[in-house]
Amino acid sequence: MRIRTLEKKKDRRGREVELAALQRLSELADNLTEADSAKFAALVRQLRDEIGVGSGSEAGQDRRRVAGLRLAAR
């Protein structure tokens, strides 16, 4: 979305600099995975260990039941 609004910007030089920065950010982000994020890992740990959310948890089982019911309803 930001790129579309930048394309309308009158300051050509400012637009080019910001578009280049967004392109570089996109390239850097493409190489990141969930494993690269300490905050994401901490969130997963907290959800799994402290709150009890996960594939073997009641919430995970409920999610699979709902998916099964949706599939059966088709």
Protein backbone atom coordinates (compact mmCIF):
# COMPACT_ATOMS: atom_id res chain seq x y z
CA MET A 1 0.00 0.00 0.00
CA ARG A 2 2.73 2.46 0.89
CA ILE A 3 4.31 2.03 -2.53
CA ARG A 4 1.12 3.19 -4.26
CA THR A 5 0.99 6.35 -2.19
CA LEU A 6 4.68 6.98 -2.80
CA GLU A 7 4.15 6.78 -6.54
CA LYS A 8 1.86 9.82 -6.24
CA LYS A 9 4.41 11.82 -4.23
CA LYS A 10 5.58 14.97 -6.02
CA ASP A 11 9.11 15.02 -4.56
CA ARG A 12 10.79 12.66 -7.05
CA ARG A 13 14.08 12.33 -5.16
CA GLY A 14 12.35 11.66 -1.83
CA ARG A 15 10.10 9.12 -3.53
CA GLU A 16 13.06 7.29 -5.07
CA VAL A 17 14.92 7.14 -1.76
CA GLU A 18 11.91 5.82 0.13
CA LEU A 19 11.05 3.28 -2.58
CA ALA A 20 14.66 2.02 -2.53
CA ALA A 21 14.51 1.71 1.26
CA LEU A 22 11.23 -0.23 1.07
CA GLN A 23 12.70 -2.53 -1.58
CA ARG A 24 15.78 -3.19 0.59
CA LEU A 25 13.59 -3.86 3.62
CA SER A 26 11.55 -6.31 1.58
CA GLU A 27 14.70 -8.13 0.46
CA LEU A 28 15.94 -8.39 4.06
CA ALA A 29 12.56 -9.58 5.31
CA ASP A 30 12.40 -12.29 2.64
CA ASN A 31 15.38 -14.01 4.27
CA LEU A 32 13.88 -14.02 7.77
CA THR A 33 12.07 -16.96 9.24
CA GLU A 34 10.16 -17.46 12.45
CA ALA A 35 13.31 -19.10 13.84
CA ASP A 36 15.16 -15.77 13.46
CA SER A 37 12.78 -13.96 15.80
CA ALA A 38 13.51 -14.14 19.53
CA LYS A 39 10.18 -12.43 20.24
CA PHE A 40 8.29 -14.99 18.16
CA ALA A 41 10.10 -17.87 19.88
CA ALA A 42 9.31 -16.37 23.30
CA LEU A 43 5.65 -16.02 22.34
CA VAL A 44 5.46 -19.63 21.17
CA ARG A 45 7.15 -20.79 24.39
CA GLN A 46 4.73 -18.78 26.52
CA LEU A 47 1.69 -20.00 24.62
CA ARG A 48 2.83 -23.61 24.77
CA ASP A 49 4.36 -23.85 28.25
CA GLU A 50 2.54 -21.26 30.32
CA ILE A 51 -0.87 -21.02 28.68
CA GLY A 52 -1.14 -24.53 27.27
CA VAL A 53 -1.88 -23.72 23.64
CA GLY A 54 -0.42 -26.13 21.11
CA SER A 55 -1.14 -29.06 18.81
CA GLY A 56 -1.77 -31.44 21.72
CA SER A 57 -3.73 -28.96 23.79
CA GLU A 58 -7.47 -28.71 24.16
CA ALA A 59 -7.44 -25.61 21.95
CA GLY A 60 -5.54 -27.48 19.26
CA GLN A 61 -7.95 -30.41 19.45
CA ASP A 62 -10.90 -28.04 19.19
CA ARG A 63 -9.37 -26.45 16.09
CA ARG A 64 -9.02 -29.87 14.45
CA ARG A 65 -12.61 -30.79 15.37
CA VAL A 66 -13.91 -27.59 13.80
CA ALA A 67 -11.86 -28.21 10.65
CA GLY A 68 -13.25 -31.74 10.47
CA LEU A 69 -16.81 -30.52 10.88
CA ARG A 70 -16.31 -27.90 8.17
CA LEU A 71 -14.92 -30.54 5.84
CA ALA A 72 -17.82 -32.90 6.57
CA ALA A 73 -20.33 -30.11 5.94
CA ARG A 74 -19.13 -29.62 2.35
